[in-house]
């Protein structure tokens, strides 16, 4: 008698063929990078992406962002980056990260979110090349749609 088929047989290994939990992704070949030091917001972004099947990975600094953009193999999910999310609470680093993305690939969409009262910083992000600049509350409300837009065309 053959051994039973494990319940997890349809799961990927998490090394480029699914999301970080190993589940197969509808957006295979797509990945969003998020730059956010706020643990609650980072969890919100990752959870929303996983819920709709979009792989995403964090980048906490310029070196991590460069590694994600260049698809440096770190043994984890490493698909082509199709969009980047940047939290303006990172201060001047946020503006530098937007510039870094645009220097790497001017066509790569960048969404920036921050406090609605940080009008000067929101404007600087736009000037640095951010494609979508929005208040934190708007970003939160539209998060699944923002992520879908950054992931690219529906698979």
C-alpha atoms as a PDB file:
ATOM      1  CA  UNK A   1       0.000   0.000   0.000  1.00  0.00           C
ATOM      2  CA  UNK A   2       1.487   3.413  -0.970  1.00  0.00           C
ATOM      3  CA  UNK A   3       2.141   5.907   1.814  1.00  0.00           C
ATOM      4  CA  UNK A   4      -0.522   8.581   2.341  1.00  0.00           C
ATOM      5  CA  UNK A   5      -0.047  11.857   0.502  1.00  0.00           C
ATOM      6  CA  UNK A   6       0.909  14.568   2.984  1.00  0.00           C
ATOM      7  CA  UNK A   7      -1.641  17.340   3.387  1.00  0.00           C
ATOM      8  CA  UNK A   8       1.021  19.927   2.566  1.00  0.00           C
ATOM      9  CA  UNK A   9       1.953  18.376  -0.780  1.00  0.00           C
ATOM     10  CA  UNK A  10       0.642  21.369  -2.725  1.00  0.00           C
ATOM     11  CA  UNK A  11       2.807  23.840  -0.840  1.00  0.00           C
ATOM     12  CA  UNK A  12       5.938  25.375  -2.274  1.00  0.00           C
ATOM     13  CA  UNK A  13       9.242  25.583  -0.486  1.00  0.00           C
ATOM     14  CA  UNK A  14       9.201  29.366  -0.107  1.00  0.00           C
ATOM     15  CA  UNK A  15      12.333  29.777  -2.249  1.00  0.00           C
ATOM     16  CA  UNK A  16      10.936  31.759  -5.123  1.00  0.00           C
ATOM     17  CA  UNK A  17       7.797  29.801  -5.940  1.00  0.00           C
ATOM     18  CA  UNK A  18       5.432  31.180  -3.366  1.00  0.00           C
ATOM     19  CA  UNK A  19       5.166  33.604  -0.506  1.00  0.00           C
ATOM     20  CA  UNK A  20       7.295  33.534   2.596  1.00  0.00           C
ATOM     21  CA  UNK A  21       5.023  30.954   4.218  1.00  0.00           C
ATOM     22  CA  UNK A  22       5.581  28.573   1.322  1.00  0.00           C
ATOM     23  CA  UNK A  23       2.109  28.819  -0.204  1.00  0.00           C
ATOM     24  CA  UNK A  24       1.942  29.072  -3.952  1.00  0.00           C
ATOM     25  CA  UNK A  25       1.379  32.619  -5.110  1.00  0.00           C
ATOM     26  CA  UNK A  26      -0.996  33.784  -7.814  1.00  0.00           C
ATOM     27  CA  UNK A  27       1.597  36.483  -8.515  1.00  0.00           C
ATOM     28  CA  UNK A  28       4.514  34.134  -9.226  1.00  0.00           C
ATOM     29  CA  UNK A  29       7.424  36.184 -10.516  1.00  0.00           C
ATOM     30  CA  UNK A  30       6.180  39.358  -8.814  1.00  0.00           C
ATOM     31  CA  UNK A  31       7.293  40.811  -5.497  1.00  0.00           C
ATOM     32  CA  UNK A  32       6.664  44.015  -3.588  1.00  0.00           C
ATOM     33  CA  UNK A  33       9.315  45.456  -1.298  1.00  0.00           C
ATOM     34  CA  UNK A  34       8.259  47.528   1.682  1.00  0.00           C
ATOM     35  CA  UNK A  35      10.442  49.948   3.639  1.00  0.00           C
ATOM     36  CA  UNK A  36       8.890  50.506   7.038  1.00  0.00           C
ATOM     37  CA  UNK A  37      10.363  50.364  10.551  1.00  0.00           C
ATOM     38  CA  UNK A  38       6.987  50.478  12.303  1.00  0.00           C
ATOM     39  CA  UNK A  39       6.323  46.858  13.289  1.00  0.00           C
ATOM     40  CA  UNK A  40       2.552  47.297  13.336  1.00  0.00           C
ATOM     41  CA  UNK A  41       2.483  48.841   9.861  1.00  0.00           C
ATOM     42  CA  UNK A  42       4.998  46.351   8.486  1.00  0.00           C
ATOM     43  CA  UNK A  43       2.791  43.523   9.748  1.00  0.00           C
ATOM     44  CA  UNK A  44      -0.269  45.194   8.231  1.00  0.00           C
ATOM     45  CA  UNK A  45       1.425  45.453   4.823  1.00  0.00           C
ATOM     46  CA  UNK A  46       2.747  41.888   4.886  1.00  0.00           C
ATOM     47  CA  UNK A  47      -0.587  40.452   6.074  1.00  0.00           C
ATOM     48  CA  UNK A  48      -2.562  42.304   3.409  1.00  0.00           C
ATOM     49  CA  UNK A  49      -0.159  41.117   0.707  1.00  0.00           C
ATOM     50  CA  UNK A  50      -0.274  37.501   1.883  1.00  0.00           C
ATOM     51  CA  UNK A  51      -4.081  37.603   2.068  1.00  0.00           C
ATOM     52  CA  UNK A  52      -4.303  38.429  -1.630  1.00  0.00           C
ATOM     53  CA  UNK A  53      -1.403  36.219  -2.707  1.00  0.00           C
ATOM     54  CA  UNK A  54       1.201  38.888  -3.429  1.00  0.00           C
ATOM     55  CA  UNK A  55       4.716  38.057  -2.241  1.00  0.00           C
ATOM     56  CA  UNK A  56       6.421  40.858  -0.340  1.00  0.00           C
ATOM     57  CA  UNK A  57       9.687  41.334   1.531  1.00  0.00           C
ATOM     58  CA  UNK A  58      10.989  44.064   3.827  1.00  0.00           C
ATOM     59  CA  UNK A  59      13.944  46.354   3.213  1.00  0.00           C
ATOM     60  CA  UNK A  60      15.024  48.175   6.355  1.00  0.00           C
ATOM     61  CA  UNK A  61      17.852  50.188   4.814  1.00  0.00           C
ATOM     62  CA  UNK A  62      19.533  51.107   1.532  1.00  0.00           C
ATOM     63  CA  UNK A  63      21.674  47.950   1.451  1.00  0.00           C
ATOM     64  CA  UNK A  64      18.668  45.668   1.918  1.00  0.00           C
ATOM     65  CA  UNK A  65      16.750  47.588  -0.726  1.00  0.00           C
ATOM     66  CA  UNK A  66      19.650  47.238  -3.183  1.00  0.00           C
ATOM     67  CA  UNK A  67      19.792  43.493  -2.488  1.00  0.00           C
ATOM     68  CA  UNK A  68      16.055  43.127  -3.133  1.00  0.00           C
ATOM     69  CA  UNK A  69      16.200  45.177  -6.332  1.00  0.00           C
ATOM     70  CA  UNK A  70      19.200  43.192  -7.577  1.00  0.00           C
ATOM     71  CA  UNK A  71      17.585  39.884  -6.530  1.00  0.00           C
ATOM     72  CA  UNK A  72      20.550  38.880  -4.359  1.00  0.00           C
ATOM     73  CA  UNK A  73      20.027  35.274  -3.262  1.00  0.00           C
ATOM     74  CA  UNK A  74      19.541  35.119   0.503  1.00  0.00           C
ATOM     75  CA  UNK A  75      17.795  31.746   0.559  1.00  0.00           C
ATOM     76  CA  UNK A  76      14.310  33.276   0.779  1.00  0.00           C
ATOM     77  CA  UNK A  77      11.700  34.443  -1.692  1.00  0.00           C
ATOM     78  CA  UNK A  78      13.445  36.505  -4.309  1.00  0.00           C
ATOM     79  CA  UNK A  79      11.228  37.391  -7.262  1.00  0.00           C
ATOM     80  CA  UNK A  80      11.491  40.407  -9.557  1.00  0.00           C
ATOM     81  CA  UNK A  81      10.464  43.538  -7.697  1.00  0.00           C
ATOM     82  CA  UNK A  82       7.386  45.052  -9.305  1.00  0.00           C
ATOM     83  CA  UNK A  83       6.773  47.845  -6.795  1.00  0.00           C
ATOM     84  CA  UNK A  84       8.059  49.468  -3.626  1.00  0.00           C
ATOM     85  CA  UNK A  85       6.232  50.923  -0.614  1.00  0.00           C
ATOM     86  CA  UNK A  86       8.035  53.503   1.536  1.00  0.00           C
ATOM     87  CA  UNK A  87       6.921  54.872   4.921  1.00  0.00           C
ATOM     88  CA  UNK A  88       7.805  58.546   5.350  1.00  0.00           C
ATOM     89  CA  UNK A  89       8.285  57.944   9.072  1.00  0.00           C
ATOM     90  CA  UNK A  90      11.772  56.783   8.031  1.00  0.00           C
ATOM     91  CA  UNK A  91      12.624  60.488   7.746  1.00  0.00           C
ATOM     92  CA  UNK A  92      15.270  61.538   5.250  1.00  0.00           C
ATOM     93  CA  UNK A  93      16.058  57.864   4.608  1.00  0.00           C
ATOM     94  CA  UNK A  94      12.598  57.550   3.015  1.00  0.00           C
ATOM     95  CA  UNK A  95      13.444  60.198   0.434  1.00  0.00           C
ATOM     96  CA  UNK A  96      16.822  58.556  -0.202  1.00  0.00           C
ATOM     97  CA  UNK A  97      15.122  55.168  -0.727  1.00  0.00           C
ATOM     98  CA  UNK A  98      12.717  56.639  -3.283  1.00  0.00           C
ATOM     99  CA  UNK A  99      15.675  58.154  -5.143  1.00  0.00           C
ATOM    100  CA  UNK A 100      17.517  54.831  -4.951  1.00  0.00           C
ATOM    101  CA  UNK A 101      14.606  52.930  -6.494  1.00  0.00           C
ATOM    102  CA  UNK A 102      14.239  55.462  -9.296  1.00  0.00           C
ATOM    103  CA  UNK A 103      18.003  55.407  -9.994  1.00  0.00           C
ATOM    104  CA  UNK A 104      17.800  51.609 -10.241  1.00  0.00           C
ATOM    105  CA  UNK A 105      14.740  51.586 -12.516  1.00  0.00           C
ATOM    106  CA  UNK A 106      12.826  54.783 -13.230  1.00  0.00           C
ATOM    107  CA  UNK A 107       9.775  52.775 -14.347  1.00  0.00           C
ATOM    108  CA  UNK A 108       9.465  50.830 -11.067  1.00  0.00           C
ATOM    109  CA  UNK A 109       6.410  52.222  -9.242  1.00  0.00           C
ATOM    110  CA  UNK A 110       6.941  53.617  -5.754  1.00  0.00           C
ATOM    111  CA  UNK A 111       4.136  54.344  -3.315  1.00  0.00           C
ATOM    112  CA  UNK A 112       4.936  56.579  -0.349  1.00  0.00           C
ATOM    113  CA  UNK A 113       2.696  57.116   2.653  1.00  0.00           C
ATOM    114  CA  UNK A 114       2.974  59.406   5.637  1.00  0.00           C
ATOM    115  CA  UNK A 115       1.198  61.720   7.986  1.00  0.00           C
ATOM    116  CA  UNK A 116      -1.135  64.148   6.233  1.00  0.00           C
ATOM    117  CA  UNK A 117       0.458  67.004   8.198  1.00  0.00           C
ATOM    118  CA  UNK A 118       3.933  66.210   6.769  1.00  0.00           C
ATOM    119  CA  UNK A 119       3.153  68.154   3.589  1.00  0.00           C
ATOM    120  CA  UNK A 120       6.789  69.213   3.066  1.00  0.00           C
ATOM    121  CA  UNK A 121       8.064  65.638   3.302  1.00  0.00           C
ATOM    122  CA  UNK A 122       5.221  64.315   1.105  1.00  0.00           C
ATOM    123  CA  UNK A 123       6.219  66.919  -1.490  1.00  0.00           C
ATOM    124  CA  UNK A 124       9.903  65.934  -1.244  1.00  0.00           C
ATOM    125  CA  UNK A 125       8.931  62.300  -1.863  1.00  0.00           C
ATOM    126  CA  UNK A 126       7.011  63.337  -4.967  1.00  0.00           C
ATOM    127  CA  UNK A 127       9.984  65.412  -6.127  1.00  0.00           C
ATOM    128  CA  UNK A 128      12.281  62.387  -5.577  1.00  0.00           C
ATOM    129  CA  UNK A 129      10.159  60.409  -8.019  1.00  0.00           C
ATOM    130  CA  UNK A 130       7.445  58.701  -5.956  1.00  0.00           C
ATOM    131  CA  UNK A 131       4.611  57.730  -8.263  1.00  0.00           C
ATOM    132  CA  UNK A 132       1.904  57.635  -5.600  1.00  0.00           C
ATOM    133  CA  UNK A 133       2.040  59.808  -2.485  1.00  0.00           C
ATOM    134  CA  UNK A 134      -0.719  59.460   0.063  1.00  0.00           C
ATOM    135  CA  UNK A 135      -1.723  60.116   3.628  1.00  0.00           C
ATOM    136  CA  UNK A 136      -1.328  57.179   6.010  1.00  0.00           C
ATOM    137  CA  UNK A 137      -5.112  56.905   6.498  1.00  0.00           C
ATOM    138  CA  UNK A 138      -5.732  56.750   2.742  1.00  0.00           C
ATOM    139  CA  UNK A 139      -2.960  54.179   2.346  1.00  0.00           C
ATOM    140  CA  UNK A 140      -4.470  52.020   5.082  1.00  0.00           C
ATOM    141  CA  UNK A 141      -7.957  52.157   3.553  1.00  0.00           C
ATOM    142  CA  UNK A 142      -6.716  51.356   0.054  1.00  0.00           C
ATOM    143  CA  UNK A 143      -3.933  48.911   1.020  1.00  0.00           C
ATOM    144  CA  UNK A 144      -5.131  45.838  -0.937  1.00  0.00           C
ATOM    145  CA  UNK A 145      -5.698  47.943  -4.069  1.00  0.00           C
ATOM    146  CA  UNK A 146      -2.331  49.690  -3.666  1.00  0.00           C
ATOM    147  CA  UNK A 147      -0.585  46.322  -3.388  1.00  0.00           C
ATOM    148  CA  UNK A 148      -2.408  44.900  -6.414  1.00  0.00           C
ATOM    149  CA  UNK A 149      -1.403  47.948  -8.468  1.00  0.00           C
ATOM    150  CA  UNK A 150       2.240  47.568  -7.404  1.00  0.00           C
ATOM    151  CA  UNK A 151       2.240  43.815  -8.101  1.00  0.00           C
ATOM    152  CA  UNK A 152       1.487  44.427 -11.746  1.00  0.00           C
ATOM    153  CA  UNK A 153      -1.074  42.881 -14.065  1.00  0.00           C
ATOM    154  CA  UNK A 154      -3.302  40.144 -12.717  1.00  0.00           C
ATOM    155  CA  UNK A 155      -1.752  36.759 -13.318  1.00  0.00           C
END
